[in-house]
N, C-alpha and C. Protein backbone atom coordinates (compact mmCIF):
# COMPACT_ATOMS: atom_id res chain seq x y z
N MET A 1 255.57 147.02 96.90
CA MET A 1 254.61 146.63 97.92
C MET A 1 253.79 147.85 98.35
N ALA A 2 252.48 147.73 98.37
CA ALA A 2 251.63 148.83 98.82
C ALA A 2 251.95 149.13 100.28
N ARG A 3 252.02 150.43 100.61
CA ARG A 3 252.46 150.80 101.95
C ARG A 3 251.48 150.39 103.05
N ASP A 4 250.23 150.17 102.69
CA ASP A 4 249.22 149.84 103.70
C ASP A 4 249.09 148.34 103.97
N ILE A 5 249.81 147.51 103.22
CA ILE A 5 249.68 146.06 103.35
C ILE A 5 250.79 145.50 104.23
N TRP A 6 250.39 144.68 105.19
CA TRP A 6 251.33 143.90 105.98
C TRP A 6 251.09 142.42 105.68
N ILE A 7 252.17 141.65 105.68
CA ILE A 7 252.09 140.20 105.44
C ILE A 7 252.18 139.47 106.77
N VAL A 8 251.29 138.51 106.95
CA VAL A 8 251.27 137.69 108.17
C VAL A 8 251.64 136.25 107.79
N LEU A 9 252.67 135.72 108.42
CA LEU A 9 253.11 134.35 108.18
C LEU A 9 252.92 133.52 109.46
N PRO A 10 251.86 132.75 109.58
CA PRO A 10 251.73 131.84 110.72
C PRO A 10 252.61 130.61 110.48
N VAL A 11 253.44 130.27 111.45
CA VAL A 11 254.36 129.14 111.31
C VAL A 11 254.27 128.28 112.56
N LYS A 12 253.93 127.02 112.38
CA LYS A 12 253.77 126.13 113.54
C LYS A 12 255.09 125.94 114.28
N GLY A 13 256.16 125.67 113.53
CA GLY A 13 257.44 125.48 114.21
C GLY A 13 258.42 124.69 113.36
N ILE A 14 259.70 124.79 113.71
CA ILE A 14 260.74 124.06 113.00
C ILE A 14 260.58 122.56 113.24
N GLU A 15 260.37 122.16 114.48
CA GLU A 15 260.27 120.75 114.81
C GLU A 15 258.85 120.22 114.63
N ARG A 16 257.86 121.05 114.91
CA ARG A 16 256.47 120.58 114.93
C ARG A 16 255.81 120.60 113.56
N GLY A 17 256.30 121.41 112.67
CA GLY A 17 255.62 121.60 111.38
C GLY A 17 255.75 120.39 110.46
N LYS A 18 254.77 120.26 109.57
CA LYS A 18 254.78 119.26 108.50
C LYS A 18 254.82 117.82 109.00
N ARG A 19 254.12 117.54 110.06
CA ARG A 19 254.11 116.16 110.56
C ARG A 19 253.37 115.22 109.64
N ARG A 20 252.52 115.77 108.76
CA ARG A 20 251.84 114.90 107.79
C ARG A 20 252.82 114.33 106.76
N LEU A 21 254.04 114.87 106.71
CA LEU A 21 255.06 114.33 105.82
C LEU A 21 255.87 113.22 106.46
N SER A 22 255.49 112.80 107.67
CA SER A 22 256.29 111.80 108.39
C SER A 22 256.40 110.49 107.64
N GLY A 23 255.45 110.20 106.77
CA GLY A 23 255.56 108.98 105.98
C GLY A 23 256.52 109.07 104.81
N ALA A 24 257.01 110.29 104.56
CA ALA A 24 257.90 110.51 103.42
C ALA A 24 259.33 110.82 103.85
N ILE A 25 259.49 111.60 104.94
CA ILE A 25 260.84 111.98 105.40
C ILE A 25 260.87 111.92 106.91
N ASP A 26 262.07 111.74 107.45
CA ASP A 26 262.20 111.61 108.90
C ASP A 26 262.13 112.99 109.60
N ALA A 27 262.17 112.97 110.91
CA ALA A 27 261.98 114.19 111.68
C ALA A 27 263.07 115.23 111.40
N LEU A 28 264.33 114.78 111.28
CA LEU A 28 265.42 115.71 111.02
C LEU A 28 265.25 116.39 109.66
N SER A 29 264.87 115.61 108.66
CA SER A 29 264.67 116.17 107.33
C SER A 29 263.49 117.12 107.31
N ARG A 30 262.43 116.81 108.08
CA ARG A 30 261.28 117.70 108.16
C ARG A 30 261.68 119.04 108.77
N ALA A 31 262.51 118.96 109.83
CA ALA A 31 262.97 120.20 110.46
C ALA A 31 263.77 121.04 109.49
N ARG A 32 264.64 120.40 108.74
CA ARG A 32 265.44 121.13 107.75
C ARG A 32 264.54 121.73 106.68
N LEU A 33 263.54 120.97 106.25
CA LEU A 33 262.61 121.48 105.24
C LEU A 33 261.80 122.64 105.79
N ASN A 34 261.33 122.56 107.02
CA ASN A 34 260.56 123.65 107.62
C ASN A 34 261.40 124.93 107.70
N ARG A 35 262.65 124.75 108.06
CA ARG A 35 263.52 125.93 108.16
C ARG A 35 263.73 126.54 106.77
N TRP A 36 263.98 125.68 105.79
CA TRP A 36 264.17 126.20 104.43
C TRP A 36 262.91 126.89 103.91
N LEU A 37 261.74 126.32 104.15
CA LEU A 37 260.51 126.94 103.69
C LEU A 37 260.33 128.34 104.29
N LEU A 38 260.63 128.48 105.57
CA LEU A 38 260.54 129.80 106.20
C LEU A 38 261.55 130.76 105.58
N GLU A 39 262.79 130.31 105.42
CA GLU A 39 263.82 131.17 104.84
C GLU A 39 263.44 131.56 103.42
N HIS A 40 262.92 130.61 102.66
CA HIS A 40 262.52 130.88 101.28
C HIS A 40 261.38 131.90 101.23
N THR A 41 260.39 131.72 102.10
CA THR A 41 259.25 132.64 102.11
C THR A 41 259.70 134.04 102.48
N LEU A 42 260.51 134.16 103.51
CA LEU A 42 261.02 135.46 103.91
C LEU A 42 261.85 136.09 102.81
N ALA A 43 262.62 135.30 102.10
CA ALA A 43 263.45 135.82 101.00
C ALA A 43 262.56 136.35 99.87
N MET A 44 261.47 135.64 99.56
CA MET A 44 260.60 136.09 98.50
C MET A 44 259.87 137.37 98.89
N VAL A 45 259.44 137.44 100.14
CA VAL A 45 258.78 138.67 100.61
C VAL A 45 259.76 139.84 100.58
N LYS A 46 260.98 139.61 101.01
CA LYS A 46 261.98 140.68 101.01
C LYS A 46 262.33 141.11 99.60
N ASP A 47 262.50 140.14 98.68
CA ASP A 47 262.79 140.48 97.30
C ASP A 47 261.70 141.36 96.69
N TRP A 48 260.47 141.06 97.08
CA TRP A 48 259.32 141.79 96.52
C TRP A 48 259.15 143.17 97.15
N SER A 49 259.26 143.21 98.49
CA SER A 49 258.92 144.45 99.20
C SER A 49 260.12 145.34 99.49
N GLY A 50 261.32 144.78 99.44
CA GLY A 50 262.53 145.55 99.74
C GLY A 50 263.05 145.31 101.15
N ASP A 51 262.17 144.95 102.09
CA ASP A 51 262.60 144.63 103.45
C ASP A 51 261.48 143.83 104.10
N LEU A 52 261.69 143.48 105.37
CA LEU A 52 260.70 142.63 106.08
C LEU A 52 260.05 143.38 107.25
N ARG A 53 260.12 144.70 107.25
CA ARG A 53 259.56 145.44 108.37
C ARG A 53 258.05 145.28 108.48
N LYS A 54 257.38 145.03 107.39
CA LYS A 54 255.93 144.86 107.39
C LYS A 54 255.52 143.39 107.18
N CYS A 55 256.40 142.51 107.62
CA CYS A 55 256.13 141.07 107.60
C CYS A 55 256.13 140.57 109.04
N ILE A 56 255.02 139.99 109.46
CA ILE A 56 254.87 139.51 110.84
C ILE A 56 254.88 137.97 110.83
N VAL A 57 255.81 137.39 111.53
CA VAL A 57 255.88 135.94 111.68
C VAL A 57 255.26 135.58 113.03
N VAL A 58 254.24 134.76 113.01
CA VAL A 58 253.53 134.37 114.23
C VAL A 58 253.84 132.90 114.52
N SER A 59 254.37 132.63 115.70
CA SER A 59 254.74 131.25 116.01
C SER A 59 254.95 131.07 117.52
N PRO A 60 254.72 129.84 118.03
CA PRO A 60 255.10 129.52 119.39
C PRO A 60 256.53 129.01 119.49
N CYS A 61 257.20 128.87 118.33
CA CYS A 61 258.53 128.24 118.25
C CYS A 61 259.63 129.30 118.36
N GLN A 62 260.48 129.17 119.35
CA GLN A 62 261.55 130.13 119.55
C GLN A 62 262.54 130.14 118.39
N GLY A 63 262.75 128.96 117.79
CA GLY A 63 263.66 128.88 116.64
C GLY A 63 263.12 129.67 115.45
N VAL A 64 261.83 129.54 115.20
CA VAL A 64 261.20 130.30 114.13
C VAL A 64 261.30 131.81 114.40
N LEU A 65 260.99 132.20 115.62
CA LEU A 65 260.99 133.62 115.95
C LEU A 65 262.40 134.20 115.88
N ALA A 66 263.39 133.45 116.30
CA ALA A 66 264.78 133.93 116.23
C ALA A 66 265.21 134.10 114.79
N LEU A 67 264.86 133.14 113.95
CA LEU A 67 265.22 133.23 112.53
C LEU A 67 264.55 134.45 111.90
N ALA A 68 263.25 134.63 112.19
CA ALA A 68 262.50 135.73 111.60
C ALA A 68 263.05 137.08 112.08
N ARG A 69 263.32 137.18 113.39
CA ARG A 69 263.87 138.42 113.94
C ARG A 69 265.22 138.73 113.31
N GLY A 70 266.05 137.72 113.16
CA GLY A 70 267.35 137.91 112.56
C GLY A 70 267.27 138.36 111.12
N ALA A 71 266.22 137.97 110.42
CA ALA A 71 266.04 138.36 109.03
C ALA A 71 265.46 139.77 108.90
N GLY A 72 264.99 140.32 110.01
CA GLY A 72 264.44 141.67 109.99
C GLY A 72 262.92 141.75 110.04
N ALA A 73 262.26 140.60 110.24
CA ALA A 73 260.80 140.59 110.30
C ALA A 73 260.32 140.97 111.70
N THR A 74 259.06 141.40 111.77
CA THR A 74 258.38 141.58 113.04
C THR A 74 257.92 140.21 113.55
N ILE A 75 257.90 140.00 114.85
CA ILE A 75 257.47 138.71 115.38
C ILE A 75 256.31 138.87 116.35
N ALA A 76 255.50 137.83 116.40
CA ALA A 76 254.40 137.77 117.38
C ALA A 76 254.47 136.40 118.02
N HIS A 77 254.70 136.35 119.32
CA HIS A 77 254.90 135.11 120.03
C HIS A 77 253.57 134.50 120.47
N GLU A 78 253.27 133.32 120.01
CA GLU A 78 252.08 132.60 120.47
C GLU A 78 252.41 131.85 121.77
N ALA A 79 251.36 131.52 122.49
CA ALA A 79 251.52 130.66 123.67
C ALA A 79 251.96 129.27 123.23
N PRO A 80 252.67 128.54 124.11
CA PRO A 80 253.17 127.20 123.73
C PRO A 80 252.07 126.28 123.23
N HIS A 81 250.89 126.35 123.82
CA HIS A 81 249.78 125.53 123.35
C HIS A 81 248.84 126.41 122.54
N ALA A 82 249.32 126.81 121.35
CA ALA A 82 248.58 127.72 120.51
C ALA A 82 247.30 127.06 120.00
N LEU A 83 246.36 127.91 119.57
CA LEU A 83 245.03 127.43 119.18
C LEU A 83 244.89 127.11 117.71
N GLY A 84 246.00 127.15 116.96
CA GLY A 84 245.91 126.76 115.57
C GLY A 84 246.08 127.91 114.60
N LEU A 85 245.96 127.57 113.30
CA LEU A 85 246.24 128.51 112.23
C LEU A 85 245.35 129.74 112.27
N ASN A 86 244.08 129.54 112.48
CA ASN A 86 243.15 130.69 112.46
C ASN A 86 243.41 131.67 113.58
N ALA A 87 243.72 131.16 114.77
CA ALA A 87 244.09 132.03 115.88
C ALA A 87 245.39 132.75 115.60
N ALA A 88 246.34 132.06 114.97
CA ALA A 88 247.60 132.69 114.65
C ALA A 88 247.42 133.81 113.61
N ALA A 89 246.57 133.55 112.61
CA ALA A 89 246.29 134.55 111.60
C ALA A 89 245.65 135.78 112.23
N ALA A 90 244.71 135.56 113.15
CA ALA A 90 244.04 136.67 113.83
C ALA A 90 245.01 137.47 114.68
N LEU A 91 245.92 136.76 115.38
CA LEU A 91 246.91 137.46 116.19
C LEU A 91 247.81 138.34 115.32
N GLY A 92 248.26 137.79 114.19
CA GLY A 92 249.08 138.57 113.30
C GLY A 92 248.36 139.75 112.71
N ALA A 93 247.08 139.58 112.37
CA ALA A 93 246.28 140.67 111.82
C ALA A 93 246.11 141.79 112.84
N ARG A 94 245.90 141.43 114.11
CA ARG A 94 245.77 142.46 115.15
C ARG A 94 247.07 143.23 115.31
N CYS A 95 248.17 142.52 115.28
CA CYS A 95 249.48 143.16 115.41
C CYS A 95 249.71 144.12 114.25
N ALA A 96 249.37 143.68 113.04
CA ALA A 96 249.54 144.53 111.86
C ALA A 96 248.66 145.77 111.96
N THR A 97 247.43 145.58 112.41
CA THR A 97 246.51 146.72 112.55
C THR A 97 247.05 147.74 113.52
N ARG A 98 247.59 147.28 114.65
CA ARG A 98 248.16 148.21 115.64
C ARG A 98 249.34 149.00 115.05
N ASN A 99 249.99 148.42 114.06
CA ASN A 99 251.14 149.07 113.45
C ASN A 99 250.75 149.89 112.21
N GLY A 100 249.46 150.06 111.97
CA GLY A 100 249.02 150.93 110.90
C GLY A 100 248.58 150.29 109.61
N ALA A 101 248.52 148.97 109.57
CA ALA A 101 248.09 148.29 108.31
C ALA A 101 246.60 148.54 108.09
N SER A 102 246.25 148.75 106.83
CA SER A 102 244.84 148.80 106.45
C SER A 102 244.41 147.52 105.74
N ARG A 103 245.42 146.74 105.31
CA ARG A 103 245.13 145.42 104.70
C ARG A 103 246.20 144.44 105.18
N VAL A 104 245.81 143.18 105.31
CA VAL A 104 246.78 142.15 105.66
C VAL A 104 246.68 141.00 104.64
N LEU A 105 247.83 140.47 104.32
CA LEU A 105 247.93 139.27 103.47
C LEU A 105 248.41 138.13 104.35
N VAL A 106 247.50 137.20 104.63
CA VAL A 106 247.87 136.02 105.41
C VAL A 106 248.36 134.96 104.41
N LEU A 107 249.57 134.50 104.60
CA LEU A 107 250.23 133.65 103.62
C LEU A 107 250.74 132.39 104.28
N HIS A 108 250.43 131.23 103.68
CA HIS A 108 250.98 129.98 104.18
C HIS A 108 252.49 129.94 103.91
N CYS A 109 253.19 129.23 104.76
CA CYS A 109 254.64 129.20 104.65
C CYS A 109 255.16 127.86 104.11
N ASP A 110 254.30 127.19 103.32
CA ASP A 110 254.74 125.90 102.75
C ASP A 110 254.58 125.91 101.23
N LEU A 111 254.89 127.06 100.63
CA LEU A 111 254.75 127.25 99.17
C LEU A 111 256.15 127.31 98.57
N PRO A 112 256.71 126.19 98.12
CA PRO A 112 258.11 126.19 97.68
C PRO A 112 258.35 126.94 96.39
N GLY A 113 257.29 127.22 95.62
CA GLY A 113 257.47 127.97 94.39
C GLY A 113 257.07 129.41 94.49
N LEU A 114 256.89 129.92 95.69
CA LEU A 114 256.45 131.31 95.86
C LEU A 114 257.39 132.28 95.16
N THR A 115 256.82 133.27 94.49
CA THR A 115 257.58 134.30 93.81
C THR A 115 257.04 135.69 94.15
N GLY A 116 257.89 136.69 93.93
CA GLY A 116 257.42 138.06 94.10
C GLY A 116 256.31 138.42 93.16
N GLU A 117 256.33 137.85 91.94
CA GLU A 117 255.28 138.12 90.99
C GLU A 117 253.93 137.66 91.51
N ALA A 118 253.91 136.53 92.19
CA ALA A 118 252.65 136.01 92.73
C ALA A 118 252.17 136.90 93.87
N LEU A 119 253.09 137.37 94.70
CA LEU A 119 252.68 138.28 95.77
C LEU A 119 252.13 139.58 95.19
N GLU A 120 252.77 140.08 94.15
CA GLU A 120 252.29 141.30 93.52
C GLU A 120 250.89 141.10 92.92
N ALA A 121 250.67 139.96 92.30
CA ALA A 121 249.34 139.69 91.72
C ALA A 121 248.28 139.62 92.81
N MET A 122 248.65 139.03 93.95
CA MET A 122 247.70 138.91 95.05
C MET A 122 247.32 140.30 95.57
N CYS A 123 248.30 141.15 95.72
CA CYS A 123 248.03 142.47 96.32
C CYS A 123 247.43 143.44 95.33
N ARG A 124 247.69 143.25 94.06
CA ARG A 124 247.13 144.14 93.04
C ARG A 124 245.65 143.86 92.80
N THR A 125 245.22 142.64 93.08
CA THR A 125 243.87 142.23 92.76
C THR A 125 242.82 142.90 93.61
N ALA A 126 243.05 142.91 94.92
CA ALA A 126 242.07 143.50 95.86
C ALA A 126 242.57 144.87 96.26
N ASN A 127 242.04 145.89 95.65
CA ASN A 127 242.59 147.25 95.86
C ASN A 127 241.58 148.25 96.39
N PHE A 128 240.47 147.77 96.94
CA PHE A 128 239.57 148.70 97.63
C PHE A 128 239.00 148.02 98.85
N ASN A 129 238.37 148.81 99.73
CA ASN A 129 238.08 148.36 101.09
C ASN A 129 237.17 147.16 101.19
N ARG A 130 236.14 147.10 100.39
CA ARG A 130 235.18 146.00 100.52
C ARG A 130 235.47 144.89 99.51
N GLN A 131 236.71 144.45 99.48
CA GLN A 131 237.14 143.41 98.58
C GLN A 131 238.19 142.56 99.24
N ILE A 132 238.10 141.25 99.02
CA ILE A 132 239.15 140.35 99.50
C ILE A 132 239.68 139.56 98.32
N ALA A 133 240.88 139.06 98.47
CA ALA A 133 241.48 138.21 97.44
C ALA A 133 241.83 136.88 98.09
N LEU A 134 241.53 135.80 97.36
CA LEU A 134 241.78 134.45 97.85
C LEU A 134 242.62 133.69 96.82
N ALA A 135 243.64 132.98 97.31
CA ALA A 135 244.44 132.11 96.46
C ALA A 135 244.13 130.67 96.84
N PRO A 136 243.48 129.91 95.95
CA PRO A 136 243.13 128.52 96.27
C PRO A 136 244.34 127.60 96.17
N ASP A 137 244.23 126.45 96.85
CA ASP A 137 245.24 125.42 96.68
C ASP A 137 244.96 124.64 95.39
N ARG A 138 245.76 123.60 95.13
CA ARG A 138 245.62 122.87 93.87
C ARG A 138 244.28 122.17 93.74
N THR A 139 243.65 121.81 94.84
CA THR A 139 242.36 121.16 94.77
C THR A 139 241.21 122.12 94.52
N GLY A 140 241.49 123.41 94.71
CA GLY A 140 240.45 124.42 94.57
C GLY A 140 239.52 124.48 95.76
N THR A 141 239.88 123.85 96.86
CA THR A 141 239.02 123.85 98.05
C THR A 141 239.65 124.55 99.23
N GLY A 142 240.96 124.52 99.35
CA GLY A 142 241.65 125.17 100.45
C GLY A 142 242.08 126.58 100.08
N THR A 143 242.56 127.33 101.08
CA THR A 143 243.02 128.70 100.87
C THR A 143 244.47 128.80 101.29
N ASN A 144 245.36 129.12 100.35
CA ASN A 144 246.78 129.23 100.65
C ASN A 144 247.23 130.67 100.93
N ALA A 145 246.43 131.64 100.54
CA ALA A 145 246.72 133.05 100.83
C ALA A 145 245.40 133.80 100.82
N LEU A 146 245.34 134.84 101.66
CA LEU A 146 244.11 135.61 101.79
C LEU A 146 244.47 137.05 102.09
N LEU A 147 243.96 137.97 101.30
CA LEU A 147 244.15 139.39 101.51
C LEU A 147 242.84 140.03 101.91
N VAL A 148 242.83 140.73 103.06
CA VAL A 148 241.59 141.25 103.58
C VAL A 148 241.86 142.60 104.28
N PRO A 149 240.90 143.53 104.21
CA PRO A 149 241.06 144.79 104.95
C PRO A 149 241.07 144.53 106.45
N THR A 150 241.83 145.30 107.19
CA THR A 150 241.91 145.09 108.63
C THR A 150 240.66 145.58 109.37
N ASN A 151 239.87 146.45 108.73
CA ASN A 151 238.67 146.95 109.37
C ASN A 151 237.45 146.08 109.08
N ALA A 152 237.69 144.88 108.53
CA ALA A 152 236.58 144.05 108.07
C ALA A 152 236.04 143.13 109.16
N ASP A 153 236.74 143.00 110.30
CA ASP A 153 236.33 142.06 111.34
C ASP A 153 236.10 140.68 110.73
N PHE A 154 237.08 140.24 109.94
CA PHE A 154 236.97 138.99 109.18
C PHE A 154 237.35 137.81 110.05
N ALA A 155 236.57 136.75 110.01
CA ALA A 155 236.84 135.53 110.78
C ALA A 155 237.61 134.56 109.89
N PHE A 156 238.89 134.41 110.15
CA PHE A 156 239.69 133.47 109.36
C PHE A 156 239.17 132.06 109.58
N SER A 157 239.09 131.31 108.48
CA SER A 157 238.51 129.96 108.55
C SER A 157 239.33 128.98 107.74
N PHE A 158 240.66 129.02 107.92
CA PHE A 158 241.54 128.11 107.21
C PHE A 158 241.27 126.67 107.64
N GLY A 159 241.60 125.75 106.75
CA GLY A 159 241.34 124.34 107.00
C GLY A 159 240.65 123.71 105.81
N ARG A 160 240.18 122.49 106.00
CA ARG A 160 239.51 121.78 104.92
C ARG A 160 238.30 122.59 104.39
N ASN A 161 238.23 122.70 103.08
CA ASN A 161 237.13 123.43 102.40
C ASN A 161 237.04 124.90 102.82
N SER A 162 238.16 125.49 103.16
CA SER A 162 238.13 126.87 103.63
C SER A 162 237.77 127.87 102.55
N LEU A 163 238.09 127.58 101.30
CA LEU A 163 237.80 128.54 100.24
C LEU A 163 236.31 128.88 100.19
N ALA A 164 235.48 127.85 100.27
CA ALA A 164 234.02 128.07 100.23
C ALA A 164 233.59 128.87 101.44
N ARG A 165 234.15 128.59 102.61
CA ARG A 165 233.75 129.34 103.81
C ARG A 165 234.14 130.81 103.70
N HIS A 166 235.34 131.05 103.20
CA HIS A 166 235.79 132.43 103.04
C HIS A 166 234.92 133.18 102.03
N ARG A 167 234.59 132.50 100.93
CA ARG A 167 233.75 133.16 99.92
C ARG A 167 232.33 133.42 100.46
N THR A 168 231.81 132.48 101.21
CA THR A 168 230.46 132.64 101.77
C THR A 168 230.44 133.80 102.76
N GLN A 169 231.46 133.89 103.59
CA GLN A 169 231.51 134.98 104.54
C GLN A 169 231.57 136.33 103.84
N ALA A 170 232.39 136.42 102.80
CA ALA A 170 232.49 137.67 102.06
C ALA A 170 231.15 138.01 101.41
N ALA A 171 230.52 137.03 100.77
CA ALA A 171 229.25 137.28 100.10
C ALA A 171 228.18 137.74 101.07
N SER A 172 228.18 137.19 102.29
CA SER A 172 227.17 137.55 103.27
C SER A 172 227.29 139.02 103.69
N ARG A 173 228.46 139.59 103.47
CA ARG A 173 228.70 140.99 103.84
C ARG A 173 228.71 141.92 102.64
N GLY A 174 228.44 141.36 101.47
CA GLY A 174 228.39 142.17 100.27
C GLY A 174 229.75 142.59 99.73
N TRP A 175 230.79 141.83 100.05
CA TRP A 175 232.13 142.15 99.57
C TRP A 175 232.38 141.49 98.22
N ALA A 176 233.20 142.12 97.44
CA ALA A 176 233.69 141.51 96.21
C ALA A 176 234.79 140.53 96.55
N VAL A 177 234.86 139.45 95.79
CA VAL A 177 235.88 138.42 95.99
C VAL A 177 236.66 138.23 94.71
N SER A 178 237.98 138.32 94.80
CA SER A 178 238.84 138.01 93.65
C SER A 178 239.58 136.72 93.92
N ILE A 179 239.58 135.83 92.94
CA ILE A 179 240.30 134.57 93.06
C ILE A 179 241.60 134.70 92.28
N VAL A 180 242.71 134.46 92.97
CA VAL A 180 244.04 134.55 92.35
C VAL A 180 244.55 133.12 92.18
N ALA A 181 244.32 132.56 91.00
CA ALA A 181 244.67 131.17 90.74
C ALA A 181 246.01 131.13 90.03
N ARG A 182 247.07 131.14 90.82
CA ARG A 182 248.43 131.06 90.27
C ARG A 182 249.12 129.81 90.81
N PRO A 183 249.90 129.12 89.97
CA PRO A 183 250.56 127.88 90.43
C PRO A 183 251.52 128.12 91.60
N GLU A 184 252.15 129.31 91.64
CA GLU A 184 253.09 129.57 92.72
C GLU A 184 252.41 129.62 94.09
N LEU A 185 251.14 129.99 94.07
CA LEU A 185 250.36 130.05 95.32
C LEU A 185 249.55 128.79 95.55
N ALA A 186 249.34 128.00 94.53
CA ALA A 186 248.48 126.81 94.64
C ALA A 186 249.21 125.59 95.17
N PHE A 187 250.49 125.48 94.80
CA PHE A 187 251.22 124.25 95.17
C PHE A 187 251.81 124.37 96.56
N ASP A 188 251.32 123.55 97.50
CA ASP A 188 251.85 123.53 98.85
C ASP A 188 252.37 122.14 99.19
N LEU A 189 253.23 122.08 100.18
CA LEU A 189 253.79 120.80 100.63
C LEU A 189 253.00 120.38 101.87
N ASP A 190 251.95 119.65 101.64
CA ASP A 190 251.04 119.30 102.72
C ASP A 190 251.01 117.80 103.01
N THR A 191 251.17 116.99 101.97
CA THR A 191 251.05 115.54 102.11
C THR A 191 252.27 114.86 101.50
N PRO A 192 252.48 113.57 101.82
CA PRO A 192 253.56 112.83 101.17
C PRO A 192 253.44 112.84 99.64
N GLU A 193 252.21 112.88 99.12
CA GLU A 193 252.00 112.93 97.69
C GLU A 193 252.51 114.25 97.11
N ASP A 194 252.25 115.34 97.84
CA ASP A 194 252.76 116.64 97.43
C ASP A 194 254.29 116.63 97.41
N TYR A 195 254.86 116.07 98.44
CA TYR A 195 256.33 116.04 98.53
C TYR A 195 256.92 115.23 97.38
N ALA A 196 256.29 114.07 97.07
CA ALA A 196 256.77 113.24 95.97
C ALA A 196 256.65 113.98 94.64
N ALA A 197 255.57 114.71 94.45
CA ALA A 197 255.37 115.48 93.22
C ALA A 197 256.43 116.56 93.10
N TRP A 198 256.75 117.18 94.22
CA TRP A 198 257.79 118.22 94.22
C TRP A 198 259.14 117.65 93.84
N LEU A 199 259.47 116.48 94.41
CA LEU A 199 260.75 115.84 94.08
C LEU A 199 260.80 115.48 92.61
N ARG A 200 259.71 114.96 92.06
CA ARG A 200 259.69 114.60 90.64
C ARG A 200 259.88 115.83 89.76
N THR A 201 259.25 116.91 90.12
CA THR A 201 259.36 118.14 89.32
C THR A 201 260.79 118.64 89.33
N ARG A 202 261.42 118.62 90.48
CA ARG A 202 262.81 119.08 90.56
C ARG A 202 263.74 118.17 89.79
N SER A 203 263.53 116.88 89.86
CA SER A 203 264.42 115.95 89.16
C SER A 203 264.28 116.10 87.65
N GLN A 204 263.11 116.55 87.20
CA GLN A 204 262.88 116.76 85.77
C GLN A 204 263.36 118.11 85.27
N GLY A 205 263.79 118.95 86.22
CA GLY A 205 264.27 120.28 85.85
C GLY A 205 263.20 121.15 85.25
N SER A 206 261.97 121.07 85.79
CA SER A 206 260.84 121.80 85.25
C SER A 206 261.12 123.29 85.23
N GLY A 207 260.68 123.95 84.16
CA GLY A 207 260.78 125.39 84.07
C GLY A 207 259.52 126.10 84.48
N GLN A 208 258.57 125.38 85.09
CA GLN A 208 257.32 126.00 85.49
C GLN A 208 257.59 127.08 86.54
N PRO A 209 256.77 128.14 86.58
CA PRO A 209 257.02 129.26 87.47
C PRO A 209 257.15 128.86 88.93
N GLU A 210 256.35 127.86 89.37
CA GLU A 210 256.39 127.57 90.80
C GLU A 210 257.68 126.89 91.24
N PHE A 211 258.51 126.52 90.28
CA PHE A 211 259.80 125.92 90.64
C PHE A 211 260.94 126.66 89.98
N ALA A 212 260.76 127.97 89.85
CA ALA A 212 261.75 128.78 89.13
C ALA A 212 263.05 128.95 89.91
N ARG A 213 262.97 128.85 91.22
CA ARG A 213 264.19 129.07 92.04
C ARG A 213 264.98 127.78 92.14
N ALA A 214 265.56 127.36 91.01
CA ALA A 214 266.21 126.06 90.93
C ALA A 214 267.38 125.94 91.87
N ARG A 215 268.16 127.00 91.98
CA ARG A 215 269.35 126.91 92.83
C ARG A 215 268.96 126.68 94.28
N ARG A 216 267.95 127.41 94.75
CA ARG A 216 267.53 127.26 96.14
C ARG A 216 266.90 125.89 96.36
N LEU A 217 266.21 125.39 95.37
CA LEU A 217 265.57 124.09 95.54
C LEU A 217 266.62 122.99 95.58
N ARG A 218 267.72 123.15 94.85
CA ARG A 218 268.79 122.16 94.94
C ARG A 218 269.38 122.12 96.33
N GLN A 219 269.39 123.27 97.00
CA GLN A 219 269.87 123.31 98.39
C GLN A 219 269.02 122.42 99.27
N VAL A 220 267.71 122.39 99.03
CA VAL A 220 266.83 121.54 99.82
C VAL A 220 267.13 120.08 99.58
N ASN A 221 267.47 119.72 98.35
CA ASN A 221 267.90 118.35 98.04
C ASN A 221 269.03 117.94 98.96
N LEU A 222 270.02 118.82 99.08
CA LEU A 222 271.17 118.52 99.92
C LEU A 222 270.79 118.40 101.37
N MET A 223 269.90 119.29 101.83
CA MET A 223 269.49 119.28 103.24
C MET A 223 268.70 118.01 103.55
N ALA A 224 267.79 117.63 102.65
CA ALA A 224 266.96 116.46 102.91
C ALA A 224 267.79 115.19 102.87
N ALA A 225 268.91 115.24 102.10
CA ALA A 225 269.78 114.07 102.03
C ALA A 225 270.56 113.89 103.33
N GLY A 226 270.59 114.97 104.13
CA GLY A 226 271.19 114.88 105.45
C GLY A 226 272.65 115.21 105.51
């Protein structure tokens, strides 16, 4: 891991997260899944970087913050009525900047196939000041990860069609943009259809990179079964 890069993980909460999956799994299973996704993401970051000292978890959820602190990550506490993903990303970026980061990687925490290789590819791509790296979702319209210099005064614009907004903002400032199109970063658990696709892939024993952590994914099967 480059010494100047800090990772920012905005996390809505153990209980509050992934409500769009309510048509597929009940509240208890969603909470278990949210916890596993956070643990999995932290484990991948730690495997890649060696520790979690430069990983900031931003959340209004005390359970999330306690888990992150216990794992060795830095935490940033949002207000109970937080303003959403973009505000959380900005809060994490400010915290990273105060701690000496010159670049931040804002990473979604719902990527079940995340690997250290994908993180390395993301950080290796944008290696100078006036460059950002974007990892699109499977539709090619959303942004699942974003690497940006901390001195860029960048306005995070996650949400529907965010990839185009991020690219437009970069172009307006004359920055170079690198697109990191990797399956480990593209596949997120956002909708019941995503969740069903994930279950099908696991049941088929796929060897695709985004589902390489078979043992950990089997643990989620057990947790979701209750």
